[in-house]
Amino acid sequence: MDRAVIAVEKALEQYGSPVYVRHEIVHNKYVVQTLERKGAIFVDTTAEVPEGSIVMFSAHGVAPVVHDEAARRNLATIDATCPLVTKVHKEAVRFAAEDYDILLIGHEGHEEVIGTSGEAPDHITLVDGPDDVAKVEVRDESKVVWLSQTTLSVDETMETVDRLKEKFPQLIAPPSDDICYATSNRQTAVKQMGAEADLVIVVGSKNSSNSVRLVEVALGAGASAAHLVDYAKEIDEAWLEGVSTVGLTSGASVPEVLVEEVLEWLSQRGFEDVELVKAAEETITFSLPKELRRDLRAEAARLMADASAGASAGAAGSAGASAGASEPFDK
């Protein structure tokens, strides 16, 4: 998620304002408002972007028809789709080409689900949780595969998969886990916290799927209460009544500054001892979108060429001045 946010910031530096972004670049209120102040304009549809402008696609990905529409409107596109989402898109295309029925586990209406479904609409059936399995029908039970939205509850997803396997014994799985490592790592840590904490606070926005899942996981792990907040100021002091231990986590796209503000808020109310719960060491990084890398490289090359030309001109000027200064002595 950091990659997508940095991509918007770099695009604003490279091209200037405005840079249009189709949908929220990540589902976090603070991040979106910060980028708006820097000159990003968030739109719901490509049709809202003036022809010939720059538009960035959010981390959640878009369907091929969106790329086609952008091309028709002569828009310069920057695709900031999370590489983990792109992986799911490619899986959908591959399995559709092999004529599989694809059961996409995810939440109806979520931007990521819309984008993935658009890759193979004739082959994809949405399965919105375990209770949705009963109504799922396929053409050939020997050619069925499941894929998933990357920000789901790991436990609920596997429950859905188990029910699908009961109904379709030959169901195959994707080559590797579709759920984002940052999402699954946070859920693992929250399970630990939920079992030990009286209250769990999740920093994240209400439209962030992975943040909402953290609240659910905390409650499922045994926390007496769990709440989702964007900012420390949204915490109700009444939540602390009778509480001796508070668990704190954040959604995948939440800036560290917001977590630090909540830690400070809790410290001021007597919760000063902090113990870190780490599920895994996250070392994976992704490069910026290829369109942005290309233009940044071109700009860097131009600046180097200008600097080299300037240095050459300066050297020539110095040589000329030396010759001029020596003339009186020569005469």
C-alpha atoms as a PDB file:
ATOM      1  CA  MET A   1       0.000   0.000   0.000  1.00  0.00           C
ATOM      2  CA  ASP A   2       2.934   2.350   0.693  1.00  0.00           C
ATOM      3  CA  ARG A   3       3.948   1.839  -2.941  1.00  0.00           C
ATOM      4  CA  ALA A   4       0.670   3.269  -4.238  1.00  0.00           C
ATOM      5  CA  VAL A   5       0.830   6.320  -1.973  1.00  0.00           C
ATOM      6  CA  ILE A   6       4.454   7.027  -2.907  1.00  0.00           C
ATOM      7  CA  ALA A   7       3.464   6.665  -6.564  1.00  0.00           C
ATOM      8  CA  VAL A   8       0.946   9.518  -6.243  1.00  0.00           C
ATOM      9  CA  GLU A   9       3.494  11.706  -4.458  1.00  0.00           C
ATOM     10  CA  LYS A  10       6.162  11.010  -7.098  1.00  0.00           C
ATOM     11  CA  ALA A  11       3.653  11.648  -9.905  1.00  0.00           C
ATOM     12  CA  LEU A  12       2.792  15.048  -8.434  1.00  0.00           C
ATOM     13  CA  GLU A  13       6.498  15.898  -8.215  1.00  0.00           C
ATOM     14  CA  GLN A  14       7.154  14.691 -11.755  1.00  0.00           C
ATOM     15  CA  TYR A  15       4.138  16.038 -13.628  1.00  0.00           C
ATOM     16  CA  GLY A  16       2.754  18.723 -11.326  1.00  0.00           C
ATOM     17  CA  SER A  17      -0.824  19.157 -10.169  1.00  0.00           C
ATOM     18  CA  PRO A  18      -3.383  17.933 -10.877  1.00  0.00           C
ATOM     19  CA  VAL A  19      -2.897  14.179 -11.046  1.00  0.00           C
ATOM     20  CA  TYR A  20      -6.237  12.404 -11.191  1.00  0.00           C
ATOM     21  CA  VAL A  21      -6.697   9.171  -9.242  1.00  0.00           C
ATOM     22  CA  ARG A  22      -9.531   6.772 -10.036  1.00  0.00           C
ATOM     23  CA  HIS A  23     -11.055   5.870  -6.672  1.00  0.00           C
ATOM     24  CA  GLU A  24      -9.187   6.254  -3.392  1.00  0.00           C
ATOM     25  CA  ILE A  25      -5.575   5.228  -3.947  1.00  0.00           C
ATOM     26  CA  VAL A  26      -5.839   3.259  -0.688  1.00  0.00           C
ATOM     27  CA  HIS A  27      -8.788   3.050   1.691  1.00  0.00           C
ATOM     28  CA  ASN A  28      -7.572   5.485   4.327  1.00  0.00           C
ATOM     29  CA  LYS A  29      -9.154   8.856   5.060  1.00  0.00           C
ATOM     30  CA  TYR A  30      -5.951  10.535   6.323  1.00  0.00           C
ATOM     31  CA  VAL A  31      -3.898   9.426   3.308  1.00  0.00           C
ATOM     32  CA  VAL A  32      -6.516  10.582   0.811  1.00  0.00           C
ATOM     33  CA  GLN A  33      -6.932  13.989   2.471  1.00  0.00           C
ATOM     34  CA  THR A  34      -3.151  14.480   2.639  1.00  0.00           C
ATOM     35  CA  LEU A  35      -2.763  13.702  -1.069  1.00  0.00           C
ATOM     36  CA  GLU A  36      -5.666  16.004  -1.952  1.00  0.00           C
ATOM     37  CA  ARG A  37      -3.863  18.880  -0.232  1.00  0.00           C
ATOM     38  CA  LYS A  38      -0.815  18.127  -2.392  1.00  0.00           C
ATOM     39  CA  GLY A  39      -2.845  18.326  -5.591  1.00  0.00           C
ATOM     40  CA  ALA A  40      -4.299  14.873  -6.252  1.00  0.00           C
ATOM     41  CA  ILE A  41      -7.905  14.784  -7.462  1.00  0.00           C
ATOM     42  CA  PHE A  42      -9.867  11.630  -6.689  1.00  0.00           C
ATOM     43  CA  VAL A  43     -12.656  10.639  -9.064  1.00  0.00           C
ATOM     44  CA  ASP A  44     -15.133   7.774  -9.181  1.00  0.00           C
ATOM     45  CA  THR A  45     -15.023   7.187 -12.929  1.00  0.00           C
ATOM     46  CA  THR A  46     -12.578   7.665 -15.776  1.00  0.00           C
ATOM     47  CA  ALA A  47     -15.211   9.793 -17.521  1.00  0.00           C
ATOM     48  CA  GLU A  48     -14.624  12.510 -14.899  1.00  0.00           C
ATOM     49  CA  VAL A  49     -10.997  12.944 -15.979  1.00  0.00           C
ATOM     50  CA  PRO A  50     -10.459  15.684 -18.619  1.00  0.00           C
ATOM     51  CA  GLU A  51      -9.254  14.294 -21.939  1.00  0.00           C
ATOM     52  CA  GLY A  52      -5.486  14.211 -22.285  1.00  0.00           C
ATOM     53  CA  SER A  53      -4.893  14.314 -18.516  1.00  0.00           C
ATOM     54  CA  ILE A  54      -2.949  11.944 -16.270  1.00  0.00           C
ATOM     55  CA  VAL A  55      -4.944   9.341 -14.355  1.00  0.00           C
ATOM     56  CA  MET A  56      -3.639   6.836 -11.842  1.00  0.00           C
ATOM     57  CA  PHE A  57      -5.451   3.577 -11.114  1.00  0.00           C
ATOM     58  CA  SER A  58      -5.672   2.708  -7.423  1.00  0.00           C
ATOM     59  CA  ALA A  59      -3.988  -0.165  -5.582  1.00  0.00           C
ATOM     60  CA  HIS A  60      -7.219  -2.193  -5.834  1.00  0.00           C
ATOM     61  CA  GLY A  61      -6.915  -2.686  -9.595  1.00  0.00           C
ATOM     62  CA  VAL A  62      -9.313  -2.092 -12.481  1.00  0.00           C
ATOM     63  CA  ALA A  63     -11.023  -4.189 -15.142  1.00  0.00           C
ATOM     64  CA  PRO A  64      -9.706  -4.184 -18.737  1.00  0.00           C
ATOM     65  CA  VAL A  65     -12.680  -2.068 -19.854  1.00  0.00           C
ATOM     66  CA  VAL A  66     -11.338   0.781 -17.695  1.00  0.00           C
ATOM     67  CA  HIS A  67      -8.004   0.686 -19.524  1.00  0.00           C
ATOM     68  CA  ASP A  68      -9.911   0.724 -22.825  1.00  0.00           C
ATOM     69  CA  GLU A  69     -11.974   3.732 -21.765  1.00  0.00           C
ATOM     70  CA  ALA A  70      -8.839   5.609 -20.684  1.00  0.00           C
ATOM     71  CA  ALA A  71      -7.256   4.938 -24.083  1.00  0.00           C
ATOM     72  CA  ARG A  72     -10.348   6.249 -25.898  1.00  0.00           C
ATOM     73  CA  ARG A  73     -10.171   9.463 -23.846  1.00  0.00           C
ATOM     74  CA  ASN A  74      -6.451   9.872 -24.619  1.00  0.00           C
ATOM     75  CA  LEU A  75      -5.515   9.678 -20.947  1.00  0.00           C
ATOM     76  CA  ALA A  76      -1.957   9.054 -19.791  1.00  0.00           C
ATOM     77  CA  THR A  77      -2.358   6.190 -17.327  1.00  0.00           C
ATOM     78  CA  ILE A  78      -0.262   5.121 -14.355  1.00  0.00           C
ATOM     79  CA  ASP A  79      -1.281   1.711 -13.039  1.00  0.00           C
ATOM     80  CA  ALA A  80      -0.633   1.559  -9.280  1.00  0.00           C
ATOM     81  CA  THR A  81      -2.422  -1.773  -8.844  1.00  0.00           C
ATOM     82  CA  CYS A  82      -0.853  -3.747  -5.989  1.00  0.00           C
ATOM     83  CA  PRO A  83       1.310  -6.531  -7.495  1.00  0.00           C
ATOM     84  CA  LEU A  84      -0.504  -9.046  -5.280  1.00  0.00           C
ATOM     85  CA  VAL A  85      -3.804  -7.985  -6.867  1.00  0.00           C
ATOM     86  CA  THR A  86      -2.219  -8.166 -10.312  1.00  0.00           C
ATOM     87  CA  LYS A  87      -1.276 -11.769  -9.503  1.00  0.00           C
ATOM     88  CA  VAL A  88      -4.948 -12.601  -8.906  1.00  0.00           C
ATOM     89  CA  HIS A  89      -5.908 -10.873 -12.182  1.00  0.00           C
ATOM     90  CA  LYS A  90      -3.377 -12.983 -14.087  1.00  0.00           C
ATOM     91  CA  GLU A  91      -4.648 -16.149 -12.422  1.00  0.00           C
ATOM     92  CA  ALA A  92      -8.208 -15.270 -13.464  1.00  0.00           C
ATOM     93  CA  VAL A  93      -7.121 -14.720 -17.079  1.00  0.00           C
ATOM     94  CA  ARG A  94      -5.161 -17.995 -17.167  1.00  0.00           C
ATOM     95  CA  PHE A  95      -7.901 -20.163 -15.676  1.00  0.00           C
ATOM     96  CA  ALA A  96     -10.535 -18.553 -17.888  1.00  0.00           C
ATOM     97  CA  ALA A  97      -8.397 -19.332 -20.934  1.00  0.00           C
ATOM     98  CA  GLU A  98      -8.396 -22.961 -19.800  1.00  0.00           C
ATOM     99  CA  ASP A  99     -12.214 -22.771 -19.518  1.00  0.00           C
ATOM    100  CA  TYR A 100     -12.415 -23.199 -15.735  1.00  0.00           C
ATOM    101  CA  ASP A 101     -15.283 -21.916 -13.641  1.00  0.00           C
ATOM    102  CA  ILE A 102     -13.635 -19.465 -11.228  1.00  0.00           C
ATOM    103  CA  LEU A 103     -15.150 -19.032  -7.784  1.00  0.00           C
ATOM    104  CA  LEU A 104     -13.955 -15.645  -6.538  1.00  0.00           C
ATOM    105  CA  ILE A 105     -14.216 -15.351  -2.756  1.00  0.00           C
ATOM    106  CA  GLY A 106     -14.762 -11.706  -1.875  1.00  0.00           C
ATOM    107  CA  HIS A 107     -17.161  -8.958  -0.920  1.00  0.00           C
ATOM    108  CA  GLU A 108     -19.687  -7.788  -3.471  1.00  0.00           C
ATOM    109  CA  GLY A 109     -19.098  -4.206  -4.608  1.00  0.00           C
ATOM    110  CA  HIS A 110     -15.504  -4.008  -3.393  1.00  0.00           C
ATOM    111  CA  GLU A 111     -13.279  -2.305  -5.991  1.00  0.00           C
ATOM    112  CA  GLU A 112     -10.812  -5.191  -6.022  1.00  0.00           C
ATOM    113  CA  VAL A 113     -13.580  -7.720  -6.717  1.00  0.00           C
ATOM    114  CA  ILE A 114     -14.995  -5.550  -9.505  1.00  0.00           C
ATOM    115  CA  GLY A 115     -11.570  -5.297 -11.130  1.00  0.00           C
ATOM    116  CA  THR A 116     -10.805  -9.018 -10.900  1.00  0.00           C
ATOM    117  CA  SER A 117     -14.263 -10.027 -12.105  1.00  0.00           C
ATOM    118  CA  GLY A 118     -13.798  -7.782 -15.129  1.00  0.00           C
ATOM    119  CA  GLU A 119     -10.868  -9.905 -16.308  1.00  0.00           C
ATOM    120  CA  ALA A 120     -13.133 -12.896 -17.056  1.00  0.00           C
ATOM    121  CA  PRO A 121     -16.785 -11.983 -16.429  1.00  0.00           C
ATOM    122  CA  ASP A 122     -18.148 -15.052 -18.214  1.00  0.00           C
ATOM    123  CA  HIS A 123     -16.123 -17.430 -16.026  1.00  0.00           C
ATOM    124  CA  ILE A 124     -16.218 -15.812 -12.578  1.00  0.00           C
ATOM    125  CA  THR A 125     -18.832 -16.364  -9.879  1.00  0.00           C
ATOM    126  CA  LEU A 126     -18.591 -14.278  -6.701  1.00  0.00           C
ATOM    127  CA  VAL A 127     -18.793 -16.182  -3.407  1.00  0.00           C
ATOM    128  CA  ASP A 128     -19.405 -13.687  -0.597  1.00  0.00           C
ATOM    129  CA  GLY A 129     -18.565 -15.855   2.402  1.00  0.00           C
ATOM    130  CA  PRO A 130     -19.473 -19.351   3.640  1.00  0.00           C
ATOM    131  CA  ASP A 131     -23.223 -18.763   3.566  1.00  0.00           C
ATOM    132  CA  ASP A 132     -23.049 -18.013  -0.154  1.00  0.00           C
ATOM    133  CA  VAL A 133     -21.765 -21.467  -1.070  1.00  0.00           C
ATOM    134  CA  ALA A 134     -25.168 -23.196  -1.166  1.00  0.00           C
ATOM    135  CA  LYS A 135     -26.324 -21.210  -4.196  1.00  0.00           C
ATOM    136  CA  VAL A 136     -23.129 -21.636  -6.250  1.00  0.00           C
ATOM    137  CA  GLU A 137     -23.512 -23.603  -9.477  1.00  0.00           C
ATOM    138  CA  VAL A 138     -20.825 -24.568 -11.995  1.00  0.00           C
ATOM    139  CA  ARG A 139     -20.815 -26.048 -15.494  1.00  0.00           C
ATOM    140  CA  ASP A 140     -18.307 -28.837 -14.890  1.00  0.00           C
ATOM    141  CA  GLU A 141     -17.369 -29.940 -11.371  1.00  0.00           C
ATOM    142  CA  SER A 142     -14.042 -31.301 -12.653  1.00  0.00           C
ATOM    143  CA  LYS A 143     -12.914 -27.823 -13.787  1.00  0.00           C
ATOM    144  CA  VAL A 144     -13.414 -25.479 -10.832  1.00  0.00           C
ATOM    145  CA  VAL A 145     -10.863 -23.222  -9.133  1.00  0.00           C
ATOM    146  CA  TRP A 146     -11.132 -20.716  -6.297  1.00  0.00           C
ATOM    147  CA  LEU A 147      -9.418 -17.330  -6.062  1.00  0.00           C
ATOM    148  CA  SER A 148      -9.866 -14.634  -3.433  1.00  0.00           C
ATOM    149  CA  GLN A 149      -9.834 -10.939  -2.715  1.00  0.00           C
ATOM    150  CA  THR A 150      -6.481 -10.098  -1.087  1.00  0.00           C
ATOM    151  CA  THR A 151      -7.848  -8.358   2.037  1.00  0.00           C
ATOM    152  CA  LEU A 152     -10.161 -10.977   3.525  1.00  0.00           C
ATOM    153  CA  SER A 153     -10.208 -12.725   6.875  1.00  0.00           C
ATOM    154  CA  VAL A 154      -7.924 -15.726   6.487  1.00  0.00           C
ATOM    155  CA  ASP A 155     -10.101 -17.895   8.733  1.00  0.00           C
ATOM    156  CA  GLU A 156     -13.373 -16.984   7.035  1.00  0.00           C
ATOM    157  CA  THR A 157     -11.821 -17.509   3.606  1.00  0.00           C
ATOM    158  CA  MET A 158     -10.649 -20.985   4.545  1.00  0.00           C
ATOM    159  CA  GLU A 159     -14.078 -21.775   5.983  1.00  0.00           C
ATOM    160  CA  THR A 160     -15.566 -20.765   2.643  1.00  0.00           C
ATOM    161  CA  VAL A 161     -13.008 -22.907   0.814  1.00  0.00           C
ATOM    162  CA  ASP A 162     -13.802 -25.912   3.021  1.00  0.00           C
ATOM    163  CA  ARG A 163     -17.510 -25.603   2.234  1.00  0.00           C
ATOM    164  CA  LEU A 164     -16.759 -25.246  -1.472  1.00  0.00           C
ATOM    165  CA  LYS A 165     -14.628 -28.403  -1.336  1.00  0.00           C
ATOM    166  CA  GLU A 166     -17.505 -30.282   0.284  1.00  0.00           C
ATOM    167  CA  LYS A 167     -19.725 -29.247  -2.605  1.00  0.00           C
ATOM    168  CA  PHE A 168     -17.079 -29.548  -5.340  1.00  0.00           C
ATOM    169  CA  PRO A 169     -14.527 -32.220  -4.285  1.00  0.00           C
ATOM    170  CA  GLN A 170     -12.329 -31.590  -7.338  1.00  0.00           C
ATOM    171  CA  LEU A 171     -11.997 -27.858  -6.577  1.00  0.00           C
ATOM    172  CA  ILE A 172      -8.418 -26.695  -7.069  1.00  0.00           C
ATOM    173  CA  ALA A 173      -6.608 -23.862  -5.289  1.00  0.00           C
ATOM    174  CA  PRO A 174      -4.587 -20.971  -6.730  1.00  0.00           C
ATOM    175  CA  PRO A 175      -0.852 -21.678  -7.180  1.00  0.00           C
ATOM    176  CA  SER A 176      -0.073 -19.540  -4.112  1.00  0.00           C
ATOM    177  CA  ASP A 177      -2.009 -17.753  -1.386  1.00  0.00           C
ATOM    178  CA  ASP A 178      -4.035 -14.815  -2.705  1.00  0.00           C
ATOM    179  CA  ILE A 179      -4.472 -13.025   0.631  1.00  0.00           C
ATOM    180  CA  CYS A 180      -1.967 -10.205   1.114  1.00  0.00           C
ATOM    181  CA  TYR A 181       0.921 -11.065   3.456  1.00  0.00           C
ATOM    182  CA  ALA A 182       0.450  -7.763   5.328  1.00  0.00           C
ATOM    183  CA  THR A 183      -3.209  -8.625   5.897  1.00  0.00           C
ATOM    184  CA  SER A 184      -2.537 -12.185   7.093  1.00  0.00           C
ATOM    185  CA  ASN A 185       0.394 -11.124   9.309  1.00  0.00           C
ATOM    186  CA  ARG A 186      -1.737  -8.509  11.055  1.00  0.00           C
ATOM    187  CA  GLN A 187      -4.530 -11.012  11.607  1.00  0.00           C
ATOM    188  CA  THR A 188      -2.078 -13.470  13.172  1.00  0.00           C
ATOM    189  CA  ALA A 189      -0.811 -10.765  15.554  1.00  0.00           C
ATOM    190  CA  VAL A 190      -4.347  -9.641  16.406  1.00  0.00           C
ATOM    191  CA  LYS A 191      -5.305 -13.200  17.331  1.00  0.00           C
ATOM    192  CA  GLN A 192      -2.561 -13.085  19.952  1.00  0.00           C
ATOM    193  CA  MET A 193      -3.684  -9.686  21.192  1.00  0.00           C
ATOM    194  CA  GLY A 194      -7.354 -10.577  21.220  1.00  0.00           C
ATOM    195  CA  ALA A 195      -6.661 -13.544  23.481  1.00  0.00           C
ATOM    196  CA  GLU A 196      -4.844 -11.337  26.010  1.00  0.00           C
ATOM    197  CA  ALA A 197      -6.362  -7.847  25.736  1.00  0.00           C
ATOM    198  CA  ASP A 198      -9.629  -6.588  27.202  1.00  0.00           C
ATOM    199  CA  LEU A 199      -9.926  -4.015  24.431  1.00  0.00           C
ATOM    200  CA  VAL A 200      -8.468  -3.916  20.913  1.00  0.00           C
ATOM    201  CA  ILE A 201      -8.248  -0.656  18.969  1.00  0.00           C
ATOM    202  CA  VAL A 202      -7.740  -0.894  15.224  1.00  0.00           C
ATOM    203  CA  VAL A 203      -6.549   2.246  13.453  1.00  0.00           C
ATOM    204  CA  GLY A 204      -8.087   2.323   9.988  1.00  0.00           C
ATOM    205  CA  SER A 205     -10.958   3.609   7.880  1.00  0.00           C
ATOM    206  CA  LYS A 206     -14.400   2.055   7.747  1.00  0.00           C
ATOM    207  CA  ASN A 207     -14.138   1.408   3.998  1.00  0.00           C
ATOM    208  CA  SER A 208     -10.866  -0.492   4.465  1.00  0.00           C
ATOM    209  CA  SER A 209     -11.681  -4.178   4.136  1.00  0.00           C
ATOM    210  CA  ASN A 210      -8.515  -5.381   5.851  1.00  0.00           C
ATOM    211  CA  SER A 211      -9.053  -2.964   8.783  1.00  0.00           C
ATOM    212  CA  VAL A 212     -12.638  -4.117   9.303  1.00  0.00           C
ATOM    213  CA  ARG A 213     -11.443  -7.740   9.247  1.00  0.00           C
ATOM    214  CA  LEU A 214      -8.997  -6.972  12.085  1.00  0.00           C
ATOM    215  CA  VAL A 215     -11.883  -5.921  14.332  1.00  0.00           C
ATOM    216  CA  GLU A 216     -13.699  -9.154  13.529  1.00  0.00           C
ATOM    217  CA  VAL A 217     -10.583 -11.261  14.149  1.00  0.00           C
ATOM    218  CA  ALA A 218      -9.933  -9.559  17.499  1.00  0.00           C
ATOM    219  CA  LEU A 219     -13.465 -10.276  18.698  1.00  0.00           C
ATOM    220  CA  GLY A 220     -13.245 -13.841  17.447  1.00  0.00           C
ATOM    221  CA  ALA A 221      -9.982 -14.329  19.353  1.00  0.00           C
ATOM    222  CA  GLY A 222     -11.596 -13.390  22.663  1.00  0.00           C
ATOM    223  CA  ALA A 223     -11.298  -9.616  23.056  1.00  0.00           C
ATOM    224  CA  SER A 224     -14.211  -8.224  25.097  1.00  0.00           C
ATOM    225  CA  ALA A 225     -14.415  -5.241  22.767  1.00  0.00           C
ATOM    226  CA  ALA A 226     -12.777  -4.037  19.553  1.00  0.00           C
ATOM    227  CA  HIS A 227     -13.226  -0.706  17.800  1.00  0.00           C
ATOM    228  CA  LEU A 228     -12.144   0.854  14.512  1.00  0.00           C
ATOM    229  CA  VAL A 229     -10.979   4.492  14.542  1.00  0.00           C
ATOM    230  CA  ASP A 230      -9.329   6.785  12.018  1.00  0.00           C
ATOM    231  CA  TYR A 231      -7.790   9.048  14.649  1.00  0.00           C
ATOM    232  CA  ALA A 232      -6.984   9.040  18.373  1.00  0.00           C
ATOM    233  CA  LYS A 233      -9.618  11.726  18.931  1.00  0.00           C
ATOM    234  CA  GLU A 234     -12.322   9.221  17.959  1.00  0.00           C
ATOM    235  CA  ILE A 235     -11.579   6.952  20.921  1.00  0.00           C
ATOM    236  CA  ASP A 236     -14.255   7.053  23.608  1.00  0.00           C
ATOM    237  CA  GLU A 237     -12.747   7.146  27.098  1.00  0.00           C
ATOM    238  CA  ALA A 238     -15.697   5.045  28.276  1.00  0.00           C
ATOM    239  CA  TRP A 239     -14.144   2.129  26.361  1.00  0.00           C
ATOM    240  CA  LEU A 240     -11.349   2.060  28.961  1.00  0.00           C
ATOM    241  CA  GLU A 241     -13.607   1.417  31.940  1.00  0.00           C
ATOM    242  CA  GLY A 242     -12.525  -1.824  33.637  1.00  0.00           C
ATOM    243  CA  VAL A 243      -9.804  -2.369  31.036  1.00  0.00           C
ATOM    244  CA  SER A 244      -6.301  -3.375  32.147  1.00  0.00           C
ATOM    245  CA  THR A 245      -4.798  -4.342  28.787  1.00  0.00           C
ATOM    246  CA  VAL A 246      -5.322  -2.660  25.403  1.00  0.00           C
ATOM    247  CA  GLY A 247      -4.282  -4.176  22.076  1.00  0.00           C
ATOM    248  CA  LEU A 248      -3.440  -1.770  19.248  1.00  0.00           C
ATOM    249  CA  THR A 249      -3.007  -2.509  15.558  1.00  0.00           C
ATOM    250  CA  SER A 250      -3.645  -0.830  12.228  1.00  0.00           C
ATOM    251  CA  GLY A 251      -4.805  -1.549   8.707  1.00  0.00           C
ATOM    252  CA  ALA A 252      -2.263  -2.171   5.968  1.00  0.00           C
ATOM    253  CA  SER A 253      -2.485   1.354   4.512  1.00  0.00           C
ATOM    254  CA  VAL A 254      -2.381   3.325   7.780  1.00  0.00           C
ATOM    255  CA  PRO A 255       0.545   5.767   8.261  1.00  0.00           C
ATOM    256  CA  GLU A 256       2.658   5.157  11.367  1.00  0.00           C
ATOM    257  CA  VAL A 257       1.947   8.679  12.644  1.00  0.00           C
ATOM    258  CA  LEU A 258      -1.685   7.765  13.332  1.00  0.00           C
ATOM    259  CA  VAL A 259      -0.670   4.735  15.395  1.00  0.00           C
ATOM    260  CA  GLU A 260       1.806   6.862  17.346  1.00  0.00           C
ATOM    261  CA  GLU A 261      -0.945   9.368  18.133  1.00  0.00           C
ATOM    262  CA  VAL A 262      -3.081   6.591  19.627  1.00  0.00           C
ATOM    263  CA  LEU A 263      -0.111   5.316  21.656  1.00  0.00           C
ATOM    264  CA  GLU A 264       0.371   8.846  23.031  1.00  0.00           C
ATOM    265  CA  TRP A 265      -3.359   9.135  23.800  1.00  0.00           C
ATOM    266  CA  LEU A 266      -3.278   5.847  25.704  1.00  0.00           C
ATOM    267  CA  SER A 267      -0.064   6.801  27.512  1.00  0.00           C
ATOM    268  CA  GLN A 268      -1.709   9.963  28.808  1.00  0.00           C
ATOM    269  CA  ARG A 269      -4.413   7.777  30.351  1.00  0.00           C
ATOM    270  CA  GLY A 270      -2.094   5.407  32.164  1.00  0.00           C
ATOM    271  CA  PHE A 271      -1.360   2.817  29.486  1.00  0.00           C
ATOM    272  CA  GLU A 272       2.378   3.454  29.309  1.00  0.00           C
ATOM    273  CA  ASP A 273       3.911  -0.028  29.157  1.00  0.00           C
ATOM    274  CA  VAL A 274       4.089  -1.126  25.513  1.00  0.00           C
ATOM    275  CA  GLU A 275       4.833  -4.692  24.422  1.00  0.00           C
ATOM    276  CA  LEU A 276       5.372  -5.346  20.725  1.00  0.00           C
ATOM    277  CA  VAL A 277       3.572  -8.297  19.140  1.00  0.00           C
ATOM    278  CA  LYS A 278       5.178  -9.229  15.815  1.00  0.00           C
ATOM    279  CA  ALA A 279       3.781 -12.050  13.687  1.00  0.00           C
ATOM    280  CA  ALA A 280       6.443 -11.864  10.981  1.00  0.00           C
ATOM    281  CA  GLU A 281       9.263  -9.748   9.604  1.00  0.00           C
ATOM    282  CA  GLU A 282       7.971  -8.036   6.440  1.00  0.00           C
ATOM    283  CA  THR A 283      10.845  -7.490   4.009  1.00  0.00           C
ATOM    284  CA  ILE A 284       8.989  -7.559   0.687  1.00  0.00           C
ATOM    285  CA  THR A 285       9.124  -4.344  -1.332  1.00  0.00           C
ATOM    286  CA  PHE A 286       7.645  -3.535  -4.737  1.00  0.00           C
ATOM    287  CA  SER A 287       8.932  -1.098  -7.340  1.00  0.00           C
ATOM    288  CA  LEU A 288       6.939   1.920  -8.483  1.00  0.00           C
ATOM    289  CA  PRO A 289       4.519   1.553 -11.438  1.00  0.00           C
ATOM    290  CA  LYS A 290       6.418   1.014 -14.697  1.00  0.00           C
ATOM    291  CA  GLU A 291       5.020   4.162 -16.355  1.00  0.00           C
ATOM    292  CA  LEU A 292       6.294   6.303 -13.498  1.00  0.00           C
ATOM    293  CA  ARG A 293       9.695   4.562 -13.404  1.00  0.00           C
ATOM    294  CA  ARG A 294      10.105   5.188 -17.132  1.00  0.00           C
ATOM    295  CA  ASP A 295       9.427   8.922 -16.841  1.00  0.00           C
ATOM    296  CA  LEU A 296      11.530   9.317 -13.694  1.00  0.00           C
ATOM    297  CA  ARG A 297      14.464   7.638 -15.461  1.00  0.00           C
ATOM    298  CA  ALA A 298      14.012   9.894 -18.495  1.00  0.00           C
ATOM    299  CA  GLU A 299      13.928  12.963 -16.257  1.00  0.00           C
ATOM    300  CA  ALA A 300      17.047  11.824 -14.382  1.00  0.00           C
ATOM    301  CA  ALA A 301      18.864  11.251 -17.690  1.00  0.00           C
ATOM    302  CA  ARG A 302      17.849  14.717 -18.910  1.00  0.00           C
ATOM    303  CA  LEU A 303      19.098  16.373 -15.711  1.00  0.00           C
ATOM    304  CA  MET A 304      22.402  14.504 -15.962  1.00  0.00           C
ATOM    305  CA  ALA A 305      22.783  15.577 -19.593  1.00  0.00           C
ATOM    306  CA  ASP A 306      22.006  19.207 -18.672  1.00  0.00           C
ATOM    307  CA  ALA A 307      24.484  19.085 -15.795  1.00  0.00           C
ATOM    308  CA  SER A 308      27.148  17.597 -18.067  1.00  0.00           C
ATOM    309  CA  ALA A 309      26.546  20.240 -20.730  1.00  0.00           C
ATOM    310  CA  GLY A 310      26.672  22.977 -18.095  1.00  0.00           C
ATOM    311  CA  ALA A 311      29.941  21.670 -16.717  1.00  0.00           C
ATOM    312  CA  SER A 312      31.451  21.588 -20.216  1.00  0.00           C
ATOM    313  CA  ALA A 313      30.351  25.159 -20.909  1.00  0.00           C
ATOM    314  CA  GLY A 314      31.768  26.283 -17.577  1.00  0.00           C
ATOM    315  CA  ALA A 315      35.106  24.659 -18.359  1.00  0.00           C
ATOM    316  CA  ALA A 316      35.254  26.341 -21.752  1.00  0.00           C
ATOM    317  CA  GLY A 317      34.440  29.704 -20.171  1.00  0.00           C
ATOM    318  CA  SER A 318      37.219  29.270 -17.626  1.00  0.00           C
ATOM    319  CA  ALA A 319      39.713  28.426 -20.353  1.00  0.00           C
ATOM    320  CA  GLY A 320      38.746  31.543 -22.277  1.00  0.00           C
ATOM    321  CA  ALA A 321      39.150  33.744 -19.227  1.00  0.00           C
ATOM    322  CA  SER A 322      42.620  32.355 -18.556  1.00  0.00           C
ATOM    323  CA  ALA A 323      43.691  33.034 -22.110  1.00  0.00           C
ATOM    324  CA  GLY A 324      42.385  36.566 -21.927  1.00  0.00           C
ATOM    325  CA  ALA A 325      44.177  37.236 -18.655  1.00  0.00           C
ATOM    326  CA  SER A 326      47.467  36.032 -20.105  1.00  0.00           C
ATOM    327  CA  GLU A 327      47.350  38.251 -23.180  1.00  0.00           C
ATOM    328  CA  PRO A 328      48.921  41.355 -21.573  1.00  0.00           C
ATOM    329  CA  PHE A 329      51.853  39.267 -20.425  1.00  0.00           C
ATOM    330  CA  ASP A 330      52.279  37.757 -23.900  1.00  0.00           C
ATOM    331  CA  LYS A 331      52.504  41.220 -25.401  1.00  0.00           C
END
